[in-house]
């Protein structure tokens, strides 16, 4: 699993994104899934930074699926990370919750994203 820190969008962008209709969200999801990952992340309002080896002070605050092989996880309200999965996970698009295999306060590339 590859982990990359993202720059968070402004609060205004987050509020406006929350107002999108279901149809707009479905159209946006289809567009994102047909694009390369960096462009898909940019379309969500984020900028990809350099990869990191681990996430310290781990806490699953919030998450958003990007596509079948990537998910953005916030460790708090201001620190999103892009997790790239080793293999596709079709269930990620429909998941209500996710988990992480780490039981410590650090997540590394050896841990797994769990989709029930």
PDB file of N, CA and C in Angstrom:
ATOM      1  N   UNK A   1       0.843  -1.155   0.000  1.00  0.00           N
ATOM      2  CA  UNK A   1       0.000   0.000   0.000  1.00  0.00           C
ATOM      3  C   UNK A   1       0.897   1.229   0.000  1.00  0.00           C
ATOM      4  N   UNK A   2       0.641   2.145  -0.904  1.00  0.00           N
ATOM      5  CA  UNK A   2       1.401   3.385  -0.997  1.00  0.00           C
ATOM      6  C   UNK A   2       0.607   4.483  -0.297  1.00  0.00           C
ATOM      7  N   UNK A   3       1.283   5.294   0.518  1.00  0.00           N
ATOM      8  CA  UNK A   3       0.620   6.343   1.279  1.00  0.00           C
ATOM      9  C   UNK A   3       1.211   7.682   0.867  1.00  0.00           C
ATOM     10  N   UNK A   4       0.358   8.639   0.549  1.00  0.00           N
ATOM     11  CA  UNK A   4       0.784   9.964   0.131  1.00  0.00           C
ATOM     12  C   UNK A   4      -0.027  10.994   0.904  1.00  0.00           C
ATOM     13  N   UNK A   5       0.632  12.024   1.431  1.00  0.00           N
ATOM     14  CA  UNK A   5      -0.107  13.087   2.103  1.00  0.00           C
ATOM     15  C   UNK A   5      -0.664  14.038   1.059  1.00  0.00           C
ATOM     16  N   UNK A   6      -1.871  14.541   1.310  1.00  0.00           N
ATOM     17  CA  UNK A   6      -2.531  15.461   0.402  1.00  0.00           C
ATOM     18  C   UNK A   6      -2.656  16.829   1.043  1.00  0.00           C
ATOM     19  N   UNK A   7      -2.707  17.846   0.218  1.00  0.00           N
ATOM     20  CA  UNK A   7      -3.019  19.174   0.713  1.00  0.00           C
ATOM     21  C   UNK A   7      -4.532  19.305   0.745  1.00  0.00           C
ATOM     22  N   UNK A   8      -5.079  19.706   1.858  1.00  0.00           N
ATOM     23  CA  UNK A   8      -6.527  19.804   2.015  1.00  0.00           C
ATOM     24  C   UNK A   8      -7.075  20.992   1.230  1.00  0.00           C
ATOM     25  N   UNK A   9      -8.291  20.846   0.673  1.00  0.00           N
ATOM     26  CA  UNK A   9      -8.919  21.967  -0.016  1.00  0.00           C
ATOM     27  C   UNK A   9      -9.445  22.975   1.001  1.00  0.00           C
ATOM     28  N   UNK A  10      -9.847  24.109   0.529  1.00  0.00           N
ATOM     29  CA  UNK A  10     -10.396  25.099   1.443  1.00  0.00           C
ATOM     30  C   UNK A  10     -11.741  24.633   1.960  1.00  0.00           C
ATOM     31  N   UNK A  11     -12.165  25.208   3.068  1.00  0.00           N
ATOM     32  CA  UNK A  11     -13.443  24.845   3.669  1.00  0.00           C
ATOM     33  C   UNK A  11     -14.581  25.109   2.703  1.00  0.00           C
ATOM     34  N   UNK A  12     -14.505  26.183   1.938  1.00  0.00           N
ATOM     35  CA  UNK A  12     -15.551  26.511   0.992  1.00  0.00           C
ATOM     36  C   UNK A  12     -15.734  25.401  -0.029  1.00  0.00           C
ATOM     37  N   UNK A  13     -14.638  24.858  -0.546  1.00  0.00           N
ATOM     38  CA  UNK A  13     -14.724  23.764  -1.513  1.00  0.00           C
ATOM     39  C   UNK A  13     -15.382  22.547  -0.890  1.00  0.00           C
ATOM     40  N   UNK A  14     -15.057  22.257   0.353  1.00  0.00           N
ATOM     41  CA  UNK A  14     -15.645  21.103   1.026  1.00  0.00           C
ATOM     42  C   UNK A  14     -17.138  21.297   1.211  1.00  0.00           C
ATOM     43  N   UNK A  15     -17.556  22.497   1.561  1.00  0.00           N
ATOM     44  CA  UNK A  15     -18.978  22.778   1.744  1.00  0.00           C
ATOM     45  C   UNK A  15     -19.707  22.684   0.419  1.00  0.00           C
ATOM     46  N   UNK A  16     -19.139  23.252  -0.636  1.00  0.00           N
ATOM     47  CA  UNK A  16     -19.778  23.191  -1.940  1.00  0.00           C
ATOM     48  C   UNK A  16     -19.860  21.764  -2.458  1.00  0.00           C
ATOM     49  N   UNK A  17     -18.840  20.965  -2.214  1.00  0.00           N
ATOM     50  CA  UNK A  17     -18.860  19.573  -2.659  1.00  0.00           C
ATOM     51  C   UNK A  17     -19.964  18.803  -1.956  1.00  0.00           C
ATOM     52  N   UNK A  18     -20.256  19.149  -0.713  1.00  0.00           N
ATOM     53  CA  UNK A  18     -21.308  18.477   0.034  1.00  0.00           C
ATOM     54  C   UNK A  18     -22.693  18.788  -0.487  1.00  0.00           C
ATOM     55  N   UNK A  19     -22.840  19.824  -1.318  1.00  0.00           N
ATOM     56  CA  UNK A  19     -24.146  20.226  -1.835  1.00  0.00           C
ATOM     57  C   UNK A  19     -24.475  19.586  -3.176  1.00  0.00           C
ATOM     58  N   UNK A  20     -23.590  18.798  -3.727  1.00  0.00           N
ATOM     59  CA  UNK A  20     -23.821  18.194  -5.041  1.00  0.00           C
ATOM     60  C   UNK A  20     -24.965  17.190  -4.976  1.00  0.00           C
ATOM     61  N   UNK A  21     -25.726  17.115  -6.050  1.00  0.00           N
ATOM     62  CA  UNK A  21     -26.837  16.168  -6.095  1.00  0.00           C
ATOM     63  C   UNK A  21     -26.308  14.756  -6.322  1.00  0.00           C
ATOM     64  N   UNK A  22     -27.179  13.789  -6.136  1.00  0.00           N
ATOM     65  CA  UNK A  22     -26.805  12.387  -6.328  1.00  0.00           C
ATOM     66  C   UNK A  22     -26.385  12.145  -7.777  1.00  0.00           C
ATOM     67  N   UNK A  23     -27.099  12.750  -8.727  1.00  0.00           N
ATOM     68  CA  UNK A  23     -26.768  12.570 -10.137  1.00  0.00           C
ATOM     69  C   UNK A  23     -25.397  13.162 -10.455  1.00  0.00           C
ATOM     70  N   UNK A  24     -25.121  14.343  -9.907  1.00  0.00           N
ATOM     71  CA  UNK A  24     -23.819  14.956 -10.135  1.00  0.00           C
ATOM     72  C   UNK A  24     -22.715  14.108  -9.524  1.00  0.00           C
ATOM     73  N   UNK A  25     -22.976  13.558  -8.348  1.00  0.00           N
ATOM     74  CA  UNK A  25     -21.976  12.719  -7.685  1.00  0.00           C
ATOM     75  C   UNK A  25     -21.692  11.470  -8.511  1.00  0.00           C
ATOM     76  N   UNK A  26     -22.735  10.856  -9.071  1.00  0.00           N
ATOM     77  CA  UNK A  26     -22.546   9.660  -9.893  1.00  0.00           C
ATOM     78  C   UNK A  26     -21.756   9.992 -11.160  1.00  0.00           C
ATOM     79  N   UNK A  27     -22.070  11.122 -11.784  1.00  0.00           N
ATOM     80  CA  UNK A  27     -21.345  11.534 -12.986  1.00  0.00           C
ATOM     81  C   UNK A  27     -19.888  11.837 -12.654  1.00  0.00           C
ATOM     82  N   UNK A  28     -19.658  12.482 -11.511  1.00  0.00           N
ATOM     83  CA  UNK A  28     -18.290  12.787 -11.088  1.00  0.00           C
ATOM     84  C   UNK A  28     -17.516  11.505 -10.816  1.00  0.00           C
ATOM     85  N   UNK A  29     -18.152  10.521 -10.173  1.00  0.00           N
ATOM     86  CA  UNK A  29     -17.502   9.243  -9.877  1.00  0.00           C
ATOM     87  C   UNK A  29     -17.103   8.542 -11.179  1.00  0.00           C
ATOM     88  N   UNK A  30     -17.997   8.531 -12.179  1.00  0.00           N
ATOM     89  CA  UNK A  30     -17.676   7.906 -13.465  1.00  0.00           C
ATOM     90  C   UNK A  30     -16.494   8.599 -14.132  1.00  0.00           C
ATOM     91  N   UNK A  31     -16.462   9.929 -14.075  1.00  0.00           N
ATOM     92  CA  UNK A  31     -15.360  10.686 -14.665  1.00  0.00           C
ATOM     93  C   UNK A  31     -14.051  10.373 -13.950  1.00  0.00           C
ATOM     94  N   UNK A  32     -14.085  10.347 -12.630  1.00  0.00           N
ATOM     95  CA  UNK A  32     -12.884  10.085 -11.841  1.00  0.00           C
ATOM     96  C   UNK A  32     -12.331   8.699 -12.130  1.00  0.00           C
ATOM     97  N   UNK A  33     -13.205   7.707 -12.237  1.00  0.00           N
ATOM     98  CA  UNK A  33     -12.745   6.336 -12.453  1.00  0.00           C
ATOM     99  C   UNK A  33     -12.125   6.147 -13.830  1.00  0.00           C
ATOM    100  N   UNK A  34     -12.432   7.024 -14.780  1.00  0.00           N
ATOM    101  CA  UNK A  34     -11.860   6.884 -16.116  1.00  0.00           C
ATOM    102  C   UNK A  34     -10.552   7.666 -16.273  1.00  0.00           C
ATOM    103  N   UNK A  35     -10.145   8.424 -15.258  1.00  0.00           N
ATOM    104  CA  UNK A  35      -8.936   9.245 -15.319  1.00  0.00           C
ATOM    105  C   UNK A  35      -7.780   8.583 -14.581  1.00  0.00           C
ATOM    106  N   UNK A  36      -6.549   8.975 -14.910  1.00  0.00           N
ATOM    107  CA  UNK A  36      -5.403   8.526 -14.110  1.00  0.00           C
ATOM    108  C   UNK A  36      -5.537   9.047 -12.681  1.00  0.00           C
ATOM    109  N   UNK A  37      -4.941   8.336 -11.730  1.00  0.00           N
ATOM    110  CA  UNK A  37      -5.095   8.663 -10.312  1.00  0.00           C
ATOM    111  C   UNK A  37      -4.728  10.105  -9.955  1.00  0.00           C
ATOM    112  N   UNK A  38      -3.588  10.653 -10.383  1.00  0.00           N
ATOM    113  CA  UNK A  38      -3.283  12.045 -10.000  1.00  0.00           C
ATOM    114  C   UNK A  38      -4.352  13.039 -10.450  1.00  0.00           C
ATOM    115  N   UNK A  39      -4.894  12.837 -11.640  1.00  0.00           N
ATOM    116  CA  UNK A  39      -5.944  13.735 -12.125  1.00  0.00           C
ATOM    117  C   UNK A  39      -7.233  13.530 -11.336  1.00  0.00           C
ATOM    118  N   UNK A  40      -7.548  12.285 -10.992  1.00  0.00           N
ATOM    119  CA  UNK A  40      -8.744  12.003 -10.199  1.00  0.00           C
ATOM    120  C   UNK A  40      -8.661  12.682  -8.838  1.00  0.00           C
ATOM    121  N   UNK A  41      -7.494  12.646  -8.221  1.00  0.00           N
ATOM    122  CA  UNK A  41      -7.297  13.297  -6.920  1.00  0.00           C
ATOM    123  C   UNK A  41      -7.416  14.811  -7.077  1.00  0.00           C
ATOM    124  N   UNK A  42      -6.855  15.358  -8.143  1.00  0.00           N
ATOM    125  CA  UNK A  42      -6.954  16.800  -8.393  1.00  0.00           C
ATOM    126  C   UNK A  42      -8.405  17.218  -8.611  1.00  0.00           C
ATOM    127  N   UNK A  43      -9.184  16.377  -9.285  1.00  0.00           N
ATOM    128  CA  UNK A  43     -10.598  16.676  -9.507  1.00  0.00           C
ATOM    129  C   UNK A  43     -11.383  16.733  -8.202  1.00  0.00           C
ATOM    130  N   UNK A  44     -10.898  16.046  -7.184  1.00  0.00           N
ATOM    131  CA  UNK A  44     -11.543  16.091  -5.869  1.00  0.00           C
ATOM    132  C   UNK A  44     -11.087  17.308  -5.066  1.00  0.00           C
ATOM    133  N   UNK A  45     -10.157  18.086  -5.614  1.00  0.00           N
ATOM    134  CA  UNK A  45      -9.716  19.310  -4.959  1.00  0.00           C
ATOM    135  C   UNK A  45      -8.461  19.168  -4.122  1.00  0.00           C
ATOM    136  N   UNK A  46      -7.683  18.118  -4.375  1.00  0.00           N
ATOM    137  CA  UNK A  46      -6.473  17.880  -3.593  1.00  0.00           C
ATOM    138  C   UNK A  46      -5.242  17.936  -4.479  1.00  0.00           C
ATOM    139  N   UNK A  47      -4.105  18.104  -3.855  1.00  0.00           N
ATOM    140  CA  UNK A  47      -2.818  18.102  -4.539  1.00  0.00           C
ATOM    141  C   UNK A  47      -1.954  17.017  -3.903  1.00  0.00           C
ATOM    142  N   UNK A  48      -1.393  16.139  -4.716  1.00  0.00           N
ATOM    143  CA  UNK A  48      -0.586  15.036  -4.206  1.00  0.00           C
ATOM    144  C   UNK A  48       0.807  15.540  -3.842  1.00  0.00           C
ATOM    145  N   UNK A  49       1.249  15.197  -2.644  1.00  0.00           N
ATOM    146  CA  UNK A  49       2.600  15.528  -2.195  1.00  0.00           C
ATOM    147  C   UNK A  49       3.472  14.279  -2.314  1.00  0.00           C
ATOM    148  N   UNK A  50       4.669  14.339  -1.783  1.00  0.00           N
ATOM    149  CA  UNK A  50       5.607  13.215  -1.843  1.00  0.00           C
ATOM    150  C   UNK A  50       5.104  12.033  -1.011  1.00  0.00           C
ATOM    151  N   UNK A  51       5.407  10.792  -1.436  1.00  0.00           N
ATOM    152  CA  UNK A  51       5.018   9.611  -0.657  1.00  0.00           C
ATOM    153  C   UNK A  51       5.671   9.610   0.724  1.00  0.00           C
ATOM    154  N   UNK A  52       4.988   9.004   1.671  1.00  0.00           N
ATOM    155  CA  UNK A  52       5.520   8.851   3.027  1.00  0.00           C
ATOM    156  C   UNK A  52       5.597   7.365   3.357  1.00  0.00           C
ATOM    157  N   UNK A  53       6.497   6.985   4.253  1.00  0.00           N
ATOM    158  CA  UNK A  53       6.673   5.587   4.641  1.00  0.00           C
ATOM    159  C   UNK A  53       5.645   5.135   5.669  1.00  0.00           C
ATOM    160  N   UNK A  54       5.165   6.083   6.481  1.00  0.00           N
ATOM    161  CA  UNK A  54       4.216   5.722   7.532  1.00  0.00           C
ATOM    162  C   UNK A  54       3.384   6.938   7.922  1.00  0.00           C
ATOM    163  N   UNK A  55       2.246   6.658   8.555  1.00  0.00           N
ATOM    164  CA  UNK A  55       1.402   7.702   9.117  1.00  0.00           C
ATOM    165  C   UNK A  55       1.439   7.510  10.626  1.00  0.00           C
ATOM    166  N   UNK A  56       1.929   8.526  11.329  1.00  0.00           N
ATOM    167  CA  UNK A  56       2.082   8.462  12.783  1.00  0.00           C
ATOM    168  C   UNK A  56       0.866   9.117  13.437  1.00  0.00           C
ATOM    169  N   UNK A  57       0.586   8.751  14.687  1.00  0.00           N
ATOM    170  CA  UNK A  57      -0.597   9.240  15.412  1.00  0.00           C
ATOM    171  C   UNK A  57      -1.858   8.939  14.616  1.00  0.00           C
ATOM    172  N   UNK A  58      -1.971   7.704  14.209  1.00  0.00           N
ATOM    173  CA  UNK A  58      -3.034   7.221  13.350  1.00  0.00           C
ATOM    174  C   UNK A  58      -4.396   7.290  14.028  1.00  0.00           C
ATOM    175  N   UNK A  59      -5.389   7.757  13.273  1.00  0.00           N
ATOM    176  CA  UNK A  59      -6.781   7.775  13.700  1.00  0.00           C
ATOM    177  C   UNK A  59      -7.623   7.850  12.435  1.00  0.00           C
ATOM    178  N   UNK A  60      -8.609   6.989  12.303  1.00  0.00           N
ATOM    179  CA  UNK A  60      -9.482   7.004  11.124  1.00  0.00           C
ATOM    180  C   UNK A  60     -10.600   8.011  11.376  1.00  0.00           C
ATOM    181  N   UNK A  61     -10.357   9.264  11.005  1.00  0.00           N
ATOM    182  CA  UNK A  61     -11.295  10.363  11.243  1.00  0.00           C
ATOM    183  C   UNK A  61     -12.404  10.358  10.193  1.00  0.00           C
ATOM    184  N   UNK A  62     -12.024  10.194   8.915  1.00  0.00           N
ATOM    185  CA  UNK A  62     -12.976  10.183   7.811  1.00  0.00           C
ATOM    186  C   UNK A  62     -12.299   9.536   6.607  1.00  0.00           C
ATOM    187  N   UNK A  63     -13.073   9.173   5.597  1.00  0.00           N
ATOM    188  CA  UNK A  63     -12.492   8.568   4.405  1.00  0.00           C
ATOM    189  C   UNK A  63     -13.379   8.829   3.196  1.00  0.00           C
ATOM    190  N   UNK A  64     -12.785   8.703   1.999  1.00  0.00           N
ATOM    191  CA  UNK A  64     -13.509   8.845   0.743  1.00  0.00           C
ATOM    192  C   UNK A  64     -12.828   7.979  -0.305  1.00  0.00           C
ATOM    193  N   UNK A  65     -13.602   7.129  -0.959  1.00  0.00           N
ATOM    194  CA  UNK A  65     -13.053   6.317  -2.042  1.00  0.00           C
ATOM    195  C   UNK A  65     -12.775   7.219  -3.241  1.00  0.00           C
ATOM    196  N   UNK A  66     -11.616   7.033  -3.869  1.00  0.00           N
ATOM    197  CA  UNK A  66     -11.285   7.753  -5.096  1.00  0.00           C
ATOM    198  C   UNK A  66     -11.693   6.892  -6.282  1.00  0.00           C
ATOM    199  N   UNK A  67     -11.323   5.637  -6.242  1.00  0.00           N
ATOM    200  CA  UNK A  67     -11.703   4.649  -7.241  1.00  0.00           C
ATOM    201  C   UNK A  67     -11.506   3.277  -6.605  1.00  0.00           C
ATOM    202  N   UNK A  68     -11.417   2.217  -7.421  1.00  0.00           N
ATOM    203  CA  UNK A  68     -11.316   0.864  -6.880  1.00  0.00           C
ATOM    204  C   UNK A  68      -9.945   0.533  -6.316  1.00  0.00           C
ATOM    205  N   UNK A  69      -8.973   1.389  -6.508  1.00  0.00           N
ATOM    206  CA  UNK A  69      -7.642   1.084  -5.982  1.00  0.00           C
ATOM    207  C   UNK A  69      -7.013   2.244  -5.200  1.00  0.00           C
ATOM    208  N   UNK A  70      -7.832   3.195  -4.757  1.00  0.00           N
ATOM    209  CA  UNK A  70      -7.296   4.305  -3.954  1.00  0.00           C
ATOM    210  C   UNK A  70      -8.380   4.869  -3.046  1.00  0.00           C
ATOM    211  N   UNK A  71      -7.959   5.296  -1.867  1.00  0.00           N
ATOM    212  CA  UNK A  71      -8.876   5.886  -0.893  1.00  0.00           C
ATOM    213  C   UNK A  71      -8.150   7.022  -0.173  1.00  0.00           C
ATOM    214  N   UNK A  72      -8.878   8.102   0.093  1.00  0.00           N
ATOM    215  CA  UNK A  72      -8.337   9.206   0.885  1.00  0.00           C
ATOM    216  C   UNK A  72      -8.813   9.000   2.313  1.00  0.00           C
ATOM    217  N   UNK A  73      -7.867   9.010   3.252  1.00  0.00           N
ATOM    218  CA  UNK A  73      -8.200   8.843   4.670  1.00  0.00           C
ATOM    219  C   UNK A  73      -7.680  10.057   5.427  1.00  0.00           C
ATOM    220  N   UNK A  74      -8.568  10.661   6.209  1.00  0.00           N
ATOM    221  CA  UNK A  74      -8.186  11.777   7.068  1.00  0.00           C
ATOM    222  C   UNK A  74      -7.848  11.227   8.446  1.00  0.00           C
ATOM    223  N   UNK A  75      -6.706  11.630   8.998  1.00  0.00           N
ATOM    224  CA  UNK A  75      -6.338  11.230  10.359  1.00  0.00           C
ATOM    225  C   UNK A  75      -6.866  12.249  11.363  1.00  0.00           C
ATOM    226  N   UNK A  76      -7.218  13.423  10.867  1.00  0.00           N
ATOM    227  CA  UNK A  76      -7.942  14.442  11.628  1.00  0.00           C
ATOM    228  C   UNK A  76      -8.582  15.363  10.587  1.00  0.00           C
ATOM    229  N   UNK A  77      -9.186  16.436  11.016  1.00  0.00           N
ATOM    230  CA  UNK A  77      -9.920  17.296  10.086  1.00  0.00           C
ATOM    231  C   UNK A  77      -9.036  17.976   9.041  1.00  0.00           C
ATOM    232  N   UNK A  78      -7.731  18.028   9.263  1.00  0.00           N
ATOM    233  CA  UNK A  78      -6.856  18.799   8.385  1.00  0.00           C
ATOM    234  C   UNK A  78      -5.753  17.998   7.706  1.00  0.00           C
ATOM    235  N   UNK A  79      -5.688  16.688   7.901  1.00  0.00           N
ATOM    236  CA  UNK A  79      -4.581  15.895   7.359  1.00  0.00           C
ATOM    237  C   UNK A  79      -5.085  14.668   6.593  1.00  0.00           C
ATOM    238  N   UNK A  80      -5.375  14.847   5.288  1.00  0.00           N
ATOM    239  CA  UNK A  80      -5.774  13.709   4.460  1.00  0.00           C
ATOM    240  C   UNK A  80      -4.553  12.997   3.875  1.00  0.00           C
ATOM    241  N   UNK A  81      -4.661  11.692   3.721  1.00  0.00           N
ATOM    242  CA  UNK A  81      -3.616  10.883   3.084  1.00  0.00           C
ATOM    243  C   UNK A  81      -4.258  10.045   1.986  1.00  0.00           C
ATOM    244  N   UNK A  82      -3.557   9.896   0.878  1.00  0.00           N
ATOM    245  CA  UNK A  82      -4.005   9.051  -0.219  1.00  0.00           C
ATOM    246  C   UNK A  82      -3.368   7.680  -0.047  1.00  0.00           C
ATOM    247  N   UNK A  83      -4.196   6.656   0.120  1.00  0.00           N
ATOM    248  CA  UNK A  83      -3.723   5.278   0.239  1.00  0.00           C
ATOM    249  C   UNK A  83      -3.994   4.587  -1.092  1.00  0.00           C
ATOM    250  N   UNK A  84      -2.942   4.088  -1.733  1.00  0.00           N
ATOM    251  CA  UNK A  84      -3.070   3.345  -2.977  1.00  0.00           C
ATOM    252  C   UNK A  84      -3.008   1.862  -2.642  1.00  0.00           C
ATOM    253  N   UNK A  85      -4.041   1.120  -3.035  1.00  0.00           N
ATOM    254  CA  UNK A  85      -4.134  -0.297  -2.696  1.00  0.00           C
ATOM    255  C   UNK A  85      -3.307  -1.146  -3.651  1.00  0.00           C
ATOM    256  N   UNK A  86      -2.867  -2.312  -3.176  1.00  0.00           N
ATOM    257  CA  UNK A  86      -2.057  -3.217  -4.004  1.00  0.00           C
ATOM    258  C   UNK A  86      -2.876  -3.869  -5.108  1.00  0.00           C
ATOM    259  N   UNK A  87      -4.163  -4.067  -4.857  1.00  0.00           N
ATOM    260  CA  UNK A  87      -5.035  -4.665  -5.860  1.00  0.00           C
ATOM    261  C   UNK A  87      -6.385  -3.964  -5.829  1.00  0.00           C
ATOM    262  N   UNK A  88      -7.131  -4.088  -6.921  1.00  0.00           N
ATOM    263  CA  UNK A  88      -8.438  -3.445  -6.995  1.00  0.00           C
ATOM    264  C   UNK A  88      -9.379  -3.988  -5.929  1.00  0.00           C
ATOM    265  N   UNK A  89     -10.262  -3.128  -5.461  1.00  0.00           N
ATOM    266  CA  UNK A  89     -11.270  -3.508  -4.473  1.00  0.00           C
ATOM    267  C   UNK A  89     -12.619  -2.961  -4.948  1.00  0.00           C
ATOM    268  N   UNK A  90     -13.353  -3.731  -5.783  1.00  0.00           N
ATOM    269  CA  UNK A  90     -14.631  -3.248  -6.317  1.00  0.00           C
ATOM    270  C   UNK A  90     -15.643  -2.880  -5.227  1.00  0.00           C
ATOM    271  N   UNK A  91     -15.562  -3.510  -4.066  1.00  0.00           N
ATOM    272  CA  UNK A  91     -16.504  -3.230  -2.983  1.00  0.00           C
ATOM    273  C   UNK A  91     -16.288  -1.854  -2.360  1.00  0.00           C
ATOM    274  N   UNK A  92     -15.156  -1.229  -2.629  1.00  0.00           N
ATOM    275  CA  UNK A  92     -14.840   0.068  -2.024  1.00  0.00           C
ATOM    276  C   UNK A  92     -15.851   1.143  -2.422  1.00  0.00           C
ATOM    277  N   UNK A  93     -16.340   1.101  -3.662  1.00  0.00           N
ATOM    278  CA  UNK A  93     -17.314   2.089  -4.126  1.00  0.00           C
ATOM    279  C   UNK A  93     -18.632   2.031  -3.359  1.00  0.00           C
ATOM    280  N   UNK A  94     -18.961   0.870  -2.809  1.00  0.00           N
ATOM    281  CA  UNK A  94     -20.250   0.687  -2.145  1.00  0.00           C
ATOM    282  C   UNK A  94     -20.133   0.554  -0.634  1.00  0.00           C
ATOM    283  N   UNK A  95     -18.928   0.631  -0.114  1.00  0.00           N
ATOM    284  CA  UNK A  95     -18.699   0.413   1.320  1.00  0.00           C
ATOM    285  C   UNK A  95     -19.278   1.551   2.157  1.00  0.00           C
ATOM    286  N   UNK A  96     -19.888   1.184   3.270  1.00  0.00           N
ATOM    287  CA  UNK A  96     -20.375   2.165   4.239  1.00  0.00           C
ATOM    288  C   UNK A  96     -19.283   2.494   5.253  1.00  0.00           C
ATOM    289  N   UNK A  97     -18.431   1.515   5.521  1.00  0.00           N
ATOM    290  CA  UNK A  97     -17.331   1.687   6.471  1.00  0.00           C
ATOM    291  C   UNK A  97     -16.094   0.981   5.927  1.00  0.00           C
ATOM    292  N   UNK A  98     -14.945   1.365   6.449  1.00  0.00           N
ATOM    293  CA  UNK A  98     -13.703   0.654   6.171  1.00  0.00           C
ATOM    294  C   UNK A  98     -12.947   0.532   7.483  1.00  0.00           C
ATOM    295  N   UNK A  99     -11.940  -0.315   7.482  1.00  0.00           N
ATOM    296  CA  UNK A  99     -11.083  -0.460   8.646  1.00  0.00           C
ATOM    297  C   UNK A  99      -9.640  -0.559   8.197  1.00  0.00           C
ATOM    298  N   UNK A 100      -8.755  -0.527   9.153  1.00  0.00           N
ATOM    299  CA  UNK A 100      -7.323  -0.654   8.882  1.00  0.00           C
ATOM    300  C   UNK A 100      -6.782  -1.729   9.805  1.00  0.00           C
ATOM    301  N   UNK A 101      -5.907  -2.589   9.284  1.00  0.00           N
ATOM    302  CA  UNK A 101      -5.418  -3.734  10.054  1.00  0.00           C
ATOM    303  C   UNK A 101      -4.502  -3.350  11.205  1.00  0.00           C
ATOM    304  N   UNK A 102      -3.973  -2.142  11.213  1.00  0.00           N
ATOM    305  CA  UNK A 102      -3.056  -1.719  12.271  1.00  0.00           C
ATOM    306  C   UNK A 102      -3.795  -1.535  13.593  1.00  0.00           C
ATOM    307  N   UNK A 103      -3.210  -2.048  14.663  1.00  0.00           N
ATOM    308  CA  UNK A 103      -3.775  -1.829  15.995  1.00  0.00           C
ATOM    309  C   UNK A 103      -2.936  -0.836  16.781  1.00  0.00           C
ATOM    310  N   UNK A 104      -1.891  -0.325  16.159  1.00  0.00           N
ATOM    311  CA  UNK A 104      -1.006   0.649  16.807  1.00  0.00           C
ATOM    312  C   UNK A 104      -1.371   2.056  16.337  1.00  0.00           C
ATOM    313  N   UNK A 105      -0.603   3.033  16.769  1.00  0.00           N
ATOM    314  CA  UNK A 105      -0.857   4.415  16.355  1.00  0.00           C
ATOM    315  C   UNK A 105      -0.051   4.790  15.116  1.00  0.00           C
ATOM    316  N   UNK A 106       0.491   3.778  14.422  1.00  0.00           N
ATOM    317  CA  UNK A 106       1.269   3.997  13.204  1.00  0.00           C
ATOM    318  C   UNK A 106       0.741   3.069  12.115  1.00  0.00           C
ATOM    319  N   UNK A 107       0.567   3.600  10.896  1.00  0.00           N
ATOM    320  CA  UNK A 107       0.166   2.792   9.750  1.00  0.00           C
ATOM    321  C   UNK A 107       1.307   2.836   8.743  1.00  0.00           C
ATOM    322  N   UNK A 108       1.702   1.660   8.238  1.00  0.00           N
ATOM    323  CA  UNK A 108       2.780   1.563   7.255  1.00  0.00           C
ATOM    324  C   UNK A 108       2.283   0.824   6.023  1.00  0.00           C
ATOM    325  N   UNK A 109       3.168   0.630   5.050  1.00  0.00           N
ATOM    326  CA  UNK A 109       2.808  -0.088   3.828  1.00  0.00           C
ATOM    327  C   UNK A 109       2.523  -1.570   4.089  1.00  0.00           C
ATOM    328  N   UNK A 110       2.836  -2.063   5.266  1.00  0.00           N
ATOM    329  CA  UNK A 110       2.574  -3.466   5.605  1.00  0.00           C
ATOM    330  C   UNK A 110       1.145  -3.689   6.098  1.00  0.00           C
ATOM    331  N   UNK A 111       0.426  -2.625   6.419  1.00  0.00           N
ATOM    332  CA  UNK A 111      -0.941  -2.742   6.908  1.00  0.00           C
ATOM    333  C   UNK A 111      -1.913  -2.854   5.743  1.00  0.00           C
ATOM    334  N   UNK A 112      -3.158  -3.187   6.073  1.00  0.00           N
ATOM    335  CA  UNK A 112      -4.173  -3.391   5.048  1.00  0.00           C
ATOM    336  C   UNK A 112      -5.405  -2.540   5.321  1.00  0.00           C
ATOM    337  N   UNK A 113      -6.065  -2.134   4.231  1.00  0.00           N
ATOM    338  CA  UNK A 113      -7.377  -1.507   4.322  1.00  0.00           C
ATOM    339  C   UNK A 113      -8.385  -2.647   4.272  1.00  0.00           C
ATOM    340  N   UNK A 114      -9.318  -2.664   5.205  1.00  0.00           N
ATOM    341  CA  UNK A 114     -10.302  -3.738   5.297  1.00  0.00           C
ATOM    342  C   UNK A 114     -11.667  -3.173   4.922  1.00  0.00           C
ATOM    343  N   UNK A 115     -12.324  -3.811   3.946  1.00  0.00           N
ATOM    344  CA  UNK A 115     -13.672  -3.419   3.537  1.00  0.00           C
ATOM    345  C   UNK A 115     -14.603  -4.565   3.907  1.00  0.00           C
ATOM    346  N   UNK A 116     -15.519  -4.324   4.861  1.00  0.00           N
ATOM    347  CA  UNK A 116     -16.412  -5.423   5.298  1.00  0.00           C
ATOM    348  C   UNK A 116     -17.405  -5.829   4.231  1.00  0.00           C
TER     349      UNK A 116
END
